[in-house]
Amino acid sequence: MNLIPNRARLQGFSLIEVLVSIVVLSIGLLGVAALQVSGLRVGQSSFYRAQAAQLATDMADRLRANAGEARTCELAIGDATPGSPANTCERDLVEWRNRLRSLPGGSGGVVVDTASNLVTITVQWDDSRGGGGTAATFALVTRLWGN
């Protein structure tokens, strides 16, 4: 009985093992790279959302500081920014819209409902780079004054 394996049969076996391990390692590294790209996309999207929340809060603070004009301080998302602001409210809207440009395709609007004393501040931006849809929206609804 011959217990020593035939060397001719084992020749090239290590090369096949190395090739298989390289293929497995390559697939694993491609998976890690895909996870990294996905993480960057989600991180970018969350950064935009946090920035939109901060900008909406900024406008709410501006309205609180100017409570006298806040009931008439409205601007729809599609409306043009006031060219020559006549009062504090319009100046605040112009400055706020300029700050919204830090978001890609950023725009915003303010809607005042005097019947319920609620103000809705909406920030809209293009979130296609962040992995979301083409238009992402953040809305802040707050009560700025009492009854």
N, C-alpha and C. Protein backbone atom coordinates (compact mmCIF):
# COMPACT_ATOMS: atom_id res chain seq x y z
N MET A 1 0.84 -1.17 0.00
CA MET A 1 0.00 0.00 0.00
C MET A 1 0.88 1.23 0.00
N ASN A 2 0.59 2.18 -0.88
CA ASN A 2 1.39 3.38 -1.04
C ASN A 2 0.69 4.53 -0.32
N LEU A 3 1.27 5.03 0.81
CA LEU A 3 0.67 6.09 1.60
C LEU A 3 1.13 7.48 1.17
N ILE A 4 2.15 7.59 0.38
CA ILE A 4 2.64 8.88 -0.09
C ILE A 4 1.78 9.27 -1.29
N PRO A 5 1.13 10.48 -1.23
CA PRO A 5 0.27 10.88 -2.35
C PRO A 5 1.08 11.11 -3.62
N ASN A 6 0.43 10.91 -4.70
CA ASN A 6 1.04 11.08 -5.99
C ASN A 6 1.26 12.57 -6.23
N ARG A 7 2.52 13.00 -6.36
CA ARG A 7 2.86 14.41 -6.52
C ARG A 7 2.31 14.98 -7.82
N ALA A 8 2.15 14.20 -8.81
CA ALA A 8 1.63 14.68 -10.08
C ALA A 8 0.16 15.09 -9.93
N ARG A 9 -0.60 14.40 -9.06
CA ARG A 9 -2.00 14.73 -8.86
C ARG A 9 -2.18 16.02 -8.08
N LEU A 10 -1.24 16.36 -7.19
CA LEU A 10 -1.35 17.54 -6.34
C LEU A 10 -0.72 18.78 -6.97
N GLN A 11 -0.09 18.64 -8.07
CA GLN A 11 0.59 19.76 -8.70
C GLN A 11 -0.44 20.79 -9.19
N GLY A 12 -0.26 22.09 -8.79
CA GLY A 12 -1.15 23.16 -9.19
C GLY A 12 -2.32 23.38 -8.24
N PHE A 13 -2.46 22.53 -7.22
CA PHE A 13 -3.57 22.67 -6.28
C PHE A 13 -3.46 23.97 -5.48
N SER A 14 -2.27 24.39 -5.06
CA SER A 14 -2.07 25.62 -4.30
C SER A 14 -2.43 26.85 -5.14
N LEU A 15 -2.15 26.80 -6.41
CA LEU A 15 -2.49 27.91 -7.30
C LEU A 15 -4.00 28.11 -7.38
N ILE A 16 -4.75 27.04 -7.43
CA ILE A 16 -6.21 27.13 -7.45
C ILE A 16 -6.73 27.68 -6.12
N GLU A 17 -6.15 27.26 -5.01
CA GLU A 17 -6.54 27.79 -3.70
C GLU A 17 -6.31 29.30 -3.63
N VAL A 18 -5.19 29.75 -4.14
CA VAL A 18 -4.87 31.18 -4.12
C VAL A 18 -5.85 31.95 -4.99
N LEU A 19 -6.17 31.45 -6.17
CA LEU A 19 -7.10 32.12 -7.06
C LEU A 19 -8.50 32.22 -6.43
N VAL A 20 -8.95 31.15 -5.79
CA VAL A 20 -10.26 31.17 -5.14
C VAL A 20 -10.26 32.18 -3.99
N SER A 21 -9.21 32.21 -3.21
CA SER A 21 -9.14 33.15 -2.09
C SER A 21 -9.10 34.60 -2.60
N ILE A 22 -8.44 34.86 -3.72
CA ILE A 22 -8.42 36.22 -4.29
C ILE A 22 -9.82 36.62 -4.74
N VAL A 23 -10.56 35.71 -5.35
CA VAL A 23 -11.93 36.01 -5.79
C VAL A 23 -12.81 36.31 -4.57
N VAL A 24 -12.72 35.51 -3.53
CA VAL A 24 -13.52 35.73 -2.32
C VAL A 24 -13.16 37.06 -1.67
N LEU A 25 -11.88 37.37 -1.59
CA LEU A 25 -11.43 38.63 -1.01
C LEU A 25 -11.90 39.81 -1.85
N SER A 26 -11.86 39.70 -3.16
CA SER A 26 -12.31 40.78 -4.05
C SER A 26 -13.79 41.07 -3.86
N ILE A 27 -14.59 40.02 -3.76
CA ILE A 27 -16.03 40.20 -3.54
C ILE A 27 -16.28 40.88 -2.20
N GLY A 28 -15.55 40.50 -1.18
CA GLY A 28 -15.68 41.13 0.14
C GLY A 28 -15.30 42.60 0.11
N LEU A 29 -14.21 42.93 -0.59
CA LEU A 29 -13.78 44.33 -0.67
C LEU A 29 -14.76 45.17 -1.47
N LEU A 30 -15.35 44.59 -2.52
CA LEU A 30 -16.38 45.32 -3.26
C LEU A 30 -17.60 45.59 -2.38
N GLY A 31 -17.97 44.66 -1.53
CA GLY A 31 -19.07 44.86 -0.59
C GLY A 31 -18.77 45.96 0.40
N VAL A 32 -17.54 45.99 0.92
CA VAL A 32 -17.14 47.05 1.86
C VAL A 32 -17.16 48.41 1.17
N ALA A 33 -16.70 48.47 -0.06
CA ALA A 33 -16.71 49.74 -0.80
C ALA A 33 -18.15 50.21 -1.04
N ALA A 34 -19.05 49.30 -1.36
CA ALA A 34 -20.46 49.68 -1.56
C ALA A 34 -21.07 50.19 -0.27
N LEU A 35 -20.74 49.58 0.86
CA LEU A 35 -21.23 50.06 2.15
C LEU A 35 -20.69 51.45 2.46
N GLN A 36 -19.45 51.70 2.12
CA GLN A 36 -18.85 53.01 2.36
C GLN A 36 -19.55 54.09 1.54
N VAL A 37 -19.81 53.80 0.27
CA VAL A 37 -20.49 54.77 -0.59
C VAL A 37 -21.90 55.03 -0.07
N SER A 38 -22.59 53.98 0.32
CA SER A 38 -23.95 54.13 0.86
C SER A 38 -23.93 54.94 2.15
N GLY A 39 -22.97 54.72 2.99
CA GLY A 39 -22.84 55.49 4.23
C GLY A 39 -22.57 56.96 3.96
N LEU A 40 -21.74 57.26 2.98
CA LEU A 40 -21.48 58.65 2.63
C LEU A 40 -22.74 59.34 2.11
N ARG A 41 -23.52 58.61 1.30
CA ARG A 41 -24.76 59.17 0.77
C ARG A 41 -25.75 59.47 1.89
N VAL A 42 -25.91 58.54 2.80
CA VAL A 42 -26.84 58.73 3.91
C VAL A 42 -26.35 59.87 4.82
N GLY A 43 -25.05 59.95 5.03
CA GLY A 43 -24.49 61.04 5.83
C GLY A 43 -24.74 62.40 5.19
N GLN A 44 -24.60 62.48 3.89
CA GLN A 44 -24.86 63.74 3.18
C GLN A 44 -26.32 64.13 3.30
N SER A 45 -27.21 63.15 3.15
CA SER A 45 -28.64 63.42 3.26
C SER A 45 -29.00 63.89 4.66
N SER A 46 -28.43 63.28 5.68
CA SER A 46 -28.74 63.70 7.05
C SER A 46 -28.16 65.09 7.34
N PHE A 47 -27.03 65.42 6.74
CA PHE A 47 -26.48 66.76 6.90
C PHE A 47 -27.41 67.81 6.30
N TYR A 48 -27.94 67.53 5.11
CA TYR A 48 -28.88 68.45 4.48
C TYR A 48 -30.13 68.62 5.34
N ARG A 49 -30.64 67.51 5.87
CA ARG A 49 -31.85 67.57 6.69
C ARG A 49 -31.61 68.37 7.97
N ALA A 50 -30.46 68.18 8.60
CA ALA A 50 -30.14 68.95 9.80
C ALA A 50 -29.99 70.43 9.49
N GLN A 51 -29.39 70.73 8.36
CA GLN A 51 -29.23 72.12 7.96
C GLN A 51 -30.60 72.74 7.66
N ALA A 52 -31.50 71.99 7.03
CA ALA A 52 -32.85 72.49 6.75
C ALA A 52 -33.61 72.76 8.05
N ALA A 53 -33.46 71.88 9.03
CA ALA A 53 -34.11 72.09 10.32
C ALA A 53 -33.58 73.35 11.00
N GLN A 54 -32.28 73.56 10.92
CA GLN A 54 -31.68 74.75 11.53
C GLN A 54 -32.16 76.01 10.83
N LEU A 55 -32.27 75.98 9.50
CA LEU A 55 -32.73 77.14 8.75
C LEU A 55 -34.20 77.44 9.02
N ALA A 56 -35.02 76.41 9.17
CA ALA A 56 -36.43 76.63 9.49
C ALA A 56 -36.56 77.22 10.89
N THR A 57 -35.78 76.74 11.82
CA THR A 57 -35.79 77.28 13.18
C THR A 57 -35.31 78.73 13.18
N ASP A 58 -34.34 79.03 12.34
CA ASP A 58 -33.85 80.40 12.22
C ASP A 58 -34.97 81.34 11.78
N MET A 59 -35.77 80.91 10.81
CA MET A 59 -36.87 81.76 10.35
C MET A 59 -37.93 81.90 11.43
N ALA A 60 -38.20 80.83 12.18
CA ALA A 60 -39.16 80.93 13.28
C ALA A 60 -38.67 81.93 14.34
N ASP A 61 -37.38 81.91 14.63
CA ASP A 61 -36.82 82.88 15.58
C ASP A 61 -36.92 84.30 15.06
N ARG A 62 -36.71 84.48 13.76
CA ARG A 62 -36.85 85.81 13.16
C ARG A 62 -38.29 86.31 13.29
N LEU A 63 -39.25 85.41 13.08
CA LEU A 63 -40.66 85.80 13.21
C LEU A 63 -41.01 86.11 14.67
N ARG A 64 -40.47 85.34 15.60
CA ARG A 64 -40.72 85.62 17.02
C ARG A 64 -40.14 86.97 17.43
N ALA A 65 -38.99 87.30 16.89
CA ALA A 65 -38.35 88.57 17.22
C ALA A 65 -39.12 89.75 16.63
N ASN A 66 -39.87 89.50 15.58
CA ASN A 66 -40.62 90.56 14.92
C ASN A 66 -42.11 90.21 14.95
N ALA A 67 -42.64 90.04 16.16
CA ALA A 67 -44.01 89.57 16.32
C ALA A 67 -45.04 90.54 15.73
N GLY A 68 -44.72 91.81 15.67
CA GLY A 68 -45.66 92.79 15.13
C GLY A 68 -45.97 92.56 13.66
N GLU A 69 -44.99 92.17 12.88
CA GLU A 69 -45.20 91.96 11.44
C GLU A 69 -45.37 90.49 11.09
N ALA A 70 -45.24 89.60 12.07
CA ALA A 70 -45.23 88.16 11.79
C ALA A 70 -46.54 87.67 11.18
N ARG A 71 -47.67 88.27 11.54
CA ARG A 71 -48.96 87.81 11.01
C ARG A 71 -49.10 88.06 9.51
N THR A 72 -48.35 88.99 8.97
CA THR A 72 -48.44 89.30 7.53
C THR A 72 -47.19 88.87 6.78
N CYS A 73 -46.32 88.15 7.43
CA CYS A 73 -45.03 87.77 6.83
C CYS A 73 -45.18 86.42 6.14
N GLU A 74 -45.55 86.44 4.86
CA GLU A 74 -45.76 85.21 4.11
C GLU A 74 -44.99 85.25 2.80
N LEU A 75 -44.55 84.06 2.39
CA LEU A 75 -43.86 83.92 1.12
C LEU A 75 -43.96 82.46 0.71
N ALA A 76 -44.60 82.18 -0.42
CA ALA A 76 -44.75 80.81 -0.89
C ALA A 76 -43.43 80.33 -1.49
N ILE A 77 -43.27 79.04 -1.56
CA ILE A 77 -42.02 78.46 -2.08
C ILE A 77 -41.74 78.93 -3.50
N GLY A 78 -42.75 78.98 -4.34
CA GLY A 78 -42.55 79.37 -5.74
C GLY A 78 -42.44 80.87 -5.96
N ASP A 79 -42.77 81.67 -4.94
CA ASP A 79 -42.74 83.13 -5.11
C ASP A 79 -41.31 83.64 -5.19
N ALA A 80 -41.16 84.76 -5.87
CA ALA A 80 -39.85 85.40 -5.97
C ALA A 80 -39.52 86.09 -4.65
N THR A 81 -38.24 86.15 -4.35
CA THR A 81 -37.78 86.85 -3.17
C THR A 81 -37.98 88.35 -3.38
N PRO A 82 -38.47 89.08 -2.36
CA PRO A 82 -38.66 90.52 -2.52
C PRO A 82 -37.37 91.21 -2.98
N GLY A 83 -37.49 92.03 -4.03
CA GLY A 83 -36.32 92.70 -4.60
C GLY A 83 -35.81 93.83 -3.73
N SER A 84 -36.69 94.68 -3.28
CA SER A 84 -36.29 95.79 -2.41
C SER A 84 -37.16 95.72 -1.16
N PRO A 85 -36.64 95.10 -0.09
CA PRO A 85 -37.45 94.91 1.11
C PRO A 85 -37.88 96.24 1.72
N ALA A 86 -39.18 96.31 2.04
CA ALA A 86 -39.75 97.55 2.57
C ALA A 86 -39.83 97.55 4.09
N ASN A 87 -39.83 96.36 4.70
CA ASN A 87 -39.94 96.30 6.15
C ASN A 87 -39.04 95.19 6.70
N THR A 88 -39.07 95.03 8.00
CA THR A 88 -38.20 94.05 8.66
C THR A 88 -38.53 92.63 8.22
N CYS A 89 -39.80 92.34 8.06
CA CYS A 89 -40.22 91.01 7.64
C CYS A 89 -39.64 90.66 6.27
N GLU A 90 -39.74 91.56 5.33
CA GLU A 90 -39.22 91.30 3.99
C GLU A 90 -37.70 91.18 4.01
N ARG A 91 -37.03 91.98 4.84
CA ARG A 91 -35.57 91.84 4.95
C ARG A 91 -35.20 90.48 5.52
N ASP A 92 -35.95 90.03 6.52
CA ASP A 92 -35.71 88.70 7.09
C ASP A 92 -35.92 87.61 6.04
N LEU A 93 -36.96 87.75 5.22
CA LEU A 93 -37.22 86.75 4.18
C LEU A 93 -36.10 86.73 3.14
N VAL A 94 -35.60 87.91 2.78
CA VAL A 94 -34.50 87.98 1.80
C VAL A 94 -33.25 87.32 2.38
N GLU A 95 -32.90 87.65 3.61
CA GLU A 95 -31.72 87.05 4.23
C GLU A 95 -31.88 85.54 4.38
N TRP A 96 -33.08 85.12 4.77
CA TRP A 96 -33.34 83.69 4.95
C TRP A 96 -33.23 82.94 3.63
N ARG A 97 -33.81 83.50 2.56
CA ARG A 97 -33.71 82.87 1.25
C ARG A 97 -32.25 82.80 0.78
N ASN A 98 -31.45 83.82 1.09
CA ASN A 98 -30.03 83.77 0.74
C ASN A 98 -29.32 82.66 1.49
N ARG A 99 -29.68 82.45 2.74
CA ARG A 99 -29.07 81.36 3.52
C ARG A 99 -29.51 80.00 2.99
N LEU A 100 -30.71 79.92 2.44
CA LEU A 100 -31.20 78.65 1.89
C LEU A 100 -30.40 78.19 0.69
N ARG A 101 -29.67 79.10 0.09
CA ARG A 101 -28.84 78.73 -1.07
C ARG A 101 -27.69 77.80 -0.68
N SER A 102 -27.42 77.67 0.62
CA SER A 102 -26.37 76.73 1.04
C SER A 102 -26.81 75.28 0.81
N LEU A 103 -28.10 75.06 0.67
CA LEU A 103 -28.61 73.74 0.31
C LEU A 103 -28.67 73.63 -1.22
N PRO A 104 -28.42 72.46 -1.78
CA PRO A 104 -28.51 72.33 -3.23
C PRO A 104 -29.96 72.52 -3.70
N GLY A 105 -30.18 73.52 -4.52
CA GLY A 105 -31.52 73.81 -4.99
C GLY A 105 -32.45 74.26 -3.88
N GLY A 106 -31.90 74.86 -2.83
CA GLY A 106 -32.68 75.23 -1.66
C GLY A 106 -33.66 76.35 -1.90
N SER A 107 -34.85 76.19 -1.35
CA SER A 107 -35.88 77.20 -1.41
C SER A 107 -36.73 77.04 -0.17
N GLY A 108 -37.54 78.03 0.10
CA GLY A 108 -38.37 77.94 1.29
C GLY A 108 -39.56 78.86 1.23
N GLY A 109 -40.49 78.60 2.11
CA GLY A 109 -41.69 79.42 2.17
C GLY A 109 -42.22 79.51 3.58
N VAL A 110 -43.01 80.56 3.81
CA VAL A 110 -43.63 80.79 5.11
C VAL A 110 -45.11 81.02 4.87
N VAL A 111 -45.95 80.27 5.58
CA VAL A 111 -47.40 80.41 5.48
C VAL A 111 -47.92 80.68 6.89
N VAL A 112 -48.69 81.77 7.02
CA VAL A 112 -49.24 82.16 8.32
C VAL A 112 -50.75 81.90 8.29
N ASP A 113 -51.22 81.14 9.26
CA ASP A 113 -52.65 80.90 9.41
C ASP A 113 -53.13 81.69 10.63
N THR A 114 -53.70 82.85 10.39
CA THR A 114 -54.11 83.72 11.50
C THR A 114 -55.30 83.16 12.26
N ALA A 115 -56.10 82.30 11.64
CA ALA A 115 -57.25 81.72 12.34
C ALA A 115 -56.81 80.79 13.47
N SER A 116 -55.78 80.00 13.22
CA SER A 116 -55.31 79.06 14.25
C SER A 116 -54.02 79.53 14.92
N ASN A 117 -53.50 80.69 14.51
CA ASN A 117 -52.24 81.23 15.07
C ASN A 117 -51.05 80.30 14.84
N LEU A 118 -51.06 79.60 13.72
CA LEU A 118 -49.96 78.70 13.39
C LEU A 118 -49.18 79.23 12.19
N VAL A 119 -47.88 79.00 12.23
CA VAL A 119 -47.00 79.37 11.12
C VAL A 119 -46.34 78.09 10.62
N THR A 120 -46.39 77.88 9.32
CA THR A 120 -45.73 76.73 8.70
C THR A 120 -44.55 77.24 7.89
N ILE A 121 -43.37 76.79 8.27
CA ILE A 121 -42.13 77.17 7.58
C ILE A 121 -41.64 75.92 6.85
N THR A 122 -41.52 76.03 5.54
CA THR A 122 -41.14 74.89 4.72
C THR A 122 -39.80 75.16 4.04
N VAL A 123 -38.90 74.18 4.13
CA VAL A 123 -37.61 74.24 3.44
C VAL A 123 -37.57 73.08 2.46
N GLN A 124 -37.20 73.38 1.23
CA GLN A 124 -37.15 72.36 0.18
C GLN A 124 -35.79 72.40 -0.48
N TRP A 125 -35.24 71.23 -0.81
CA TRP A 125 -33.94 71.15 -1.46
C TRP A 125 -33.86 69.89 -2.32
N ASP A 126 -32.85 69.84 -3.16
CA ASP A 126 -32.61 68.69 -4.04
C ASP A 126 -31.76 67.69 -3.28
N ASP A 127 -32.32 66.52 -3.01
CA ASP A 127 -31.61 65.50 -2.21
C ASP A 127 -31.15 64.33 -3.07
N SER A 128 -31.01 64.53 -4.37
CA SER A 128 -30.60 63.42 -5.23
C SER A 128 -29.18 62.96 -4.93
N ARG A 129 -28.30 63.86 -4.52
CA ARG A 129 -26.94 63.46 -4.16
C ARG A 129 -26.92 62.69 -2.85
N GLY A 130 -27.88 62.98 -1.98
CA GLY A 130 -27.94 62.32 -0.69
C GLY A 130 -28.60 60.96 -0.72
N GLY A 131 -29.07 60.54 -1.87
CA GLY A 131 -29.67 59.23 -1.99
C GLY A 131 -31.19 59.26 -1.87
N GLY A 132 -31.76 60.40 -1.56
CA GLY A 132 -33.22 60.51 -1.49
C GLY A 132 -33.79 60.82 -2.84
N GLY A 133 -35.02 61.28 -2.84
CA GLY A 133 -35.65 61.68 -4.09
C GLY A 133 -35.05 62.98 -4.59
N THR A 134 -35.61 63.48 -5.65
CA THR A 134 -35.07 64.72 -6.20
C THR A 134 -35.45 65.92 -5.36
N ALA A 135 -36.59 65.89 -4.67
CA ALA A 135 -36.99 67.02 -3.84
C ALA A 135 -37.30 66.53 -2.43
N ALA A 136 -36.54 67.02 -1.48
CA ALA A 136 -36.80 66.70 -0.08
C ALA A 136 -37.38 67.94 0.58
N THR A 137 -38.25 67.74 1.55
CA THR A 137 -38.94 68.84 2.20
C THR A 137 -38.89 68.66 3.71
N PHE A 138 -38.65 69.77 4.40
CA PHE A 138 -38.73 69.81 5.86
C PHE A 138 -39.72 70.91 6.21
N ALA A 139 -40.71 70.58 7.02
CA ALA A 139 -41.72 71.56 7.41
C ALA A 139 -41.73 71.71 8.93
N LEU A 140 -41.73 72.94 9.38
CA LEU A 140 -41.80 73.26 10.80
C LEU A 140 -43.10 74.02 11.03
N VAL A 141 -43.96 73.48 11.87
CA VAL A 141 -45.21 74.14 12.22
C VAL A 141 -45.11 74.57 13.67
N THR A 142 -45.33 75.84 13.91
CA THR A 142 -45.17 76.38 15.26
C THR A 142 -46.21 77.45 15.53
N ARG A 143 -46.48 77.67 16.79
CA ARG A 143 -47.37 78.74 17.23
C ARG A 143 -46.48 79.85 17.77
N LEU A 144 -46.52 81.00 17.12
CA LEU A 144 -45.62 82.08 17.49
C LEU A 144 -46.24 83.06 18.48
N TRP A 145 -47.55 83.10 18.57
CA TRP A 145 -48.20 84.04 19.48
C TRP A 145 -49.43 83.36 20.06
N GLY A 146 -49.88 83.84 21.19
CA GLY A 146 -51.05 83.28 21.85
C GLY A 146 -52.33 83.81 21.24
N ASN A 147 -53.44 83.36 21.78
CA ASN A 147 -54.75 83.78 21.26
C ASN A 147 -55.02 85.22 21.54
